[in-house]
Protein backbone atom coordinates (compact mmCIF):
# COMPACT_ATOMS: atom_id res chain seq x y z
CA GLN A 1 231.23 -179.94 30.45
CA VAL A 2 228.03 -178.34 29.26
CA GLU A 3 229.36 -174.82 30.31
CA ALA A 4 232.70 -175.38 28.62
CA ALA A 5 230.92 -176.56 25.38
CA LEU A 6 228.78 -173.53 25.39
CA GLN A 7 231.57 -171.17 26.24
CA ARG A 8 233.53 -172.61 23.24
CA ALA A 9 230.51 -171.98 21.09
CA GLU A 10 230.24 -168.37 22.15
CA GLN A 11 233.83 -167.79 21.53
CA SER A 12 233.42 -168.85 18.23
CA GLU A 13 231.34 -165.93 17.44
CA GLN A 14 228.88 -168.20 15.53
CA PRO A 15 225.33 -167.88 16.95
CA VAL A 16 224.29 -170.99 15.09
CA ALA A 17 227.00 -172.94 16.68
CA LYS A 18 225.82 -171.99 20.30
CA ALA A 19 222.28 -172.93 19.36
CA GLN A 20 223.35 -176.33 18.04
CA VAL A 21 225.41 -176.89 21.15
CA GLN A 22 222.54 -176.17 23.29
CA GLN A 23 220.43 -178.72 21.37
CA SER A 24 223.07 -181.29 21.35
CA MET A 25 223.77 -180.89 25.16
CA GLY A 26 220.19 -180.99 26.02
CA ARG A 27 219.83 -184.31 24.04
CA ILE A 28 223.03 -185.83 25.67
CA LEU A 29 221.84 -184.81 29.25
CA ALA A 30 218.59 -186.21 28.70
CA ALA A 31 219.87 -189.58 27.90
CA GLY A 32 222.11 -189.54 31.02
CA ASN A 33 221.69 -190.74 34.56
CA SER A 34 219.64 -188.40 36.93
CA PRO A 35 219.00 -185.69 34.24
CA ASP A 36 218.74 -182.13 35.41
CA TRP A 37 215.28 -181.51 33.67
CA THR A 38 215.28 -177.80 34.27
CA LYS A 39 218.70 -177.30 32.76
CA ILE A 40 217.73 -179.64 29.71
CA GLU A 41 214.49 -177.68 29.09
CA ASN A 42 216.20 -174.36 29.18
CA LEU A 43 218.96 -175.40 26.82
CA LEU A 44 216.26 -176.79 24.27
CA LYS A 45 214.15 -173.47 24.65
CA ASP A 46 216.99 -171.30 24.09
CA SER A 47 218.05 -173.33 21.09
CA ILE A 48 214.46 -173.18 19.78
CA ALA A 49 214.24 -169.29 20.31
CA PHE A 50 217.35 -168.70 18.49
CA HIS A 51 216.50 -171.02 15.52
CA GLU A 52 213.04 -169.40 15.22
CA SER A 53 214.43 -165.88 14.95
CA GLY A 54 216.37 -166.64 11.90
CA PRO A 55 216.56 -168.82 8.87
CA ALA A 56 216.94 -172.12 10.80
CA LEU A 57 213.07 -172.96 11.18
CA PRO A 58 213.95 -176.78 10.47
CA LEU A 59 216.38 -176.80 13.31
CA ALA A 60 213.63 -175.13 15.56
CA ALA A 61 211.25 -177.77 14.63
CA ILE A 62 213.58 -180.49 15.26
CA THR A 63 214.46 -179.14 18.67
CA LYS A 64 210.69 -178.86 19.71
CA PHE A 65 210.48 -182.60 18.73
CA GLU A 66 213.52 -183.18 20.96
CA LEU A 67 211.88 -181.11 23.76
CA GLY A 68 208.65 -183.13 23.39
CA LYS A 69 210.90 -186.26 24.13
CA VAL A 70 212.15 -184.73 27.29
CA TYR A 71 208.52 -183.81 28.51
CA ALA A 72 207.76 -187.54 27.63
CA GLN A 73 210.56 -188.95 29.61
CA GLN A 74 209.21 -186.86 32.62
CA GLY A 75 205.78 -188.02 32.28
CA LEU A 76 204.47 -184.77 31.23
CA ALA A 77 202.05 -185.90 28.59
CA GLU A 78 200.01 -182.71 27.92
CA GLN A 79 203.43 -180.68 27.41
CA SER A 80 204.95 -183.61 25.22
CA GLN A 81 201.87 -183.98 23.07
CA LYS A 82 201.86 -179.93 22.57
CA MET A 83 205.55 -180.11 21.36
CA PHE A 84 205.10 -183.03 19.15
CA ASN A 85 202.11 -181.44 17.47
CA GLU A 86 203.98 -178.06 17.18
CA ALA A 87 206.92 -179.97 15.62
CA LEU A 88 204.76 -182.00 13.21
CA ARG A 89 202.82 -178.80 11.94
CA GLN A 90 206.31 -177.14 11.23
CA PHE A 91 207.69 -180.43 9.64
CA GLN A 92 204.50 -180.35 7.34
CA THR A 93 204.91 -176.64 6.43
CA LEU A 94 208.64 -177.23 5.78
CA ARG A 95 208.01 -180.47 3.89
CA MET A 96 210.36 -182.43 6.01
CA THR A 97 208.83 -185.87 5.09
CA TRP A 98 211.17 -188.11 7.09
CA HIS A 99 210.75 -185.89 10.20
CA ILE A 100 206.86 -185.86 9.58
CA ALA A 101 206.78 -189.74 9.57
CA GLN A 102 208.86 -189.89 12.81
CA ALA A 103 206.43 -187.32 14.53
CA GLU A 104 203.29 -189.15 13.37
CA GLU A 105 204.85 -192.46 14.71
CA VAL A 106 205.72 -190.87 18.05
CA ILE A 107 202.30 -189.09 18.49
CA ALA A 108 200.48 -192.30 17.68
CA GLN A 109 202.71 -194.43 20.10
CA SER A 110 202.00 -192.02 22.86
CA GLY A 111 198.23 -192.25 22.38
CA GLY A 112 197.90 -188.72 20.94
CA ALA A 113 196.02 -187.79 17.95
CA VAL A 114 197.85 -186.50 14.97
CA SER A 115 196.73 -182.91 14.24
């Protein structure tokens, strides 16, 4: 199903659509039973790379936050804190107030320091 969704996004010739599908599929797969963490990480990292290469920095920050959640689900505290803090810094730079509050809350709940 993931491959079919990505193929349809590619066929649309809309690079943003593919990056959005990557982010969405990563989130969906992370919520499923027996997640393939490598596949999820690759989907989210590919989405981040695309969004950072263009005018979609808010989507890159949101996807970093999602990747932080994926790392937290795996018990990878250092990696999750790194992603949460990177996302928070981008949220602050972009003045994404709702996302700032969400990131600060997640960081505080996970025992990390808000930077």
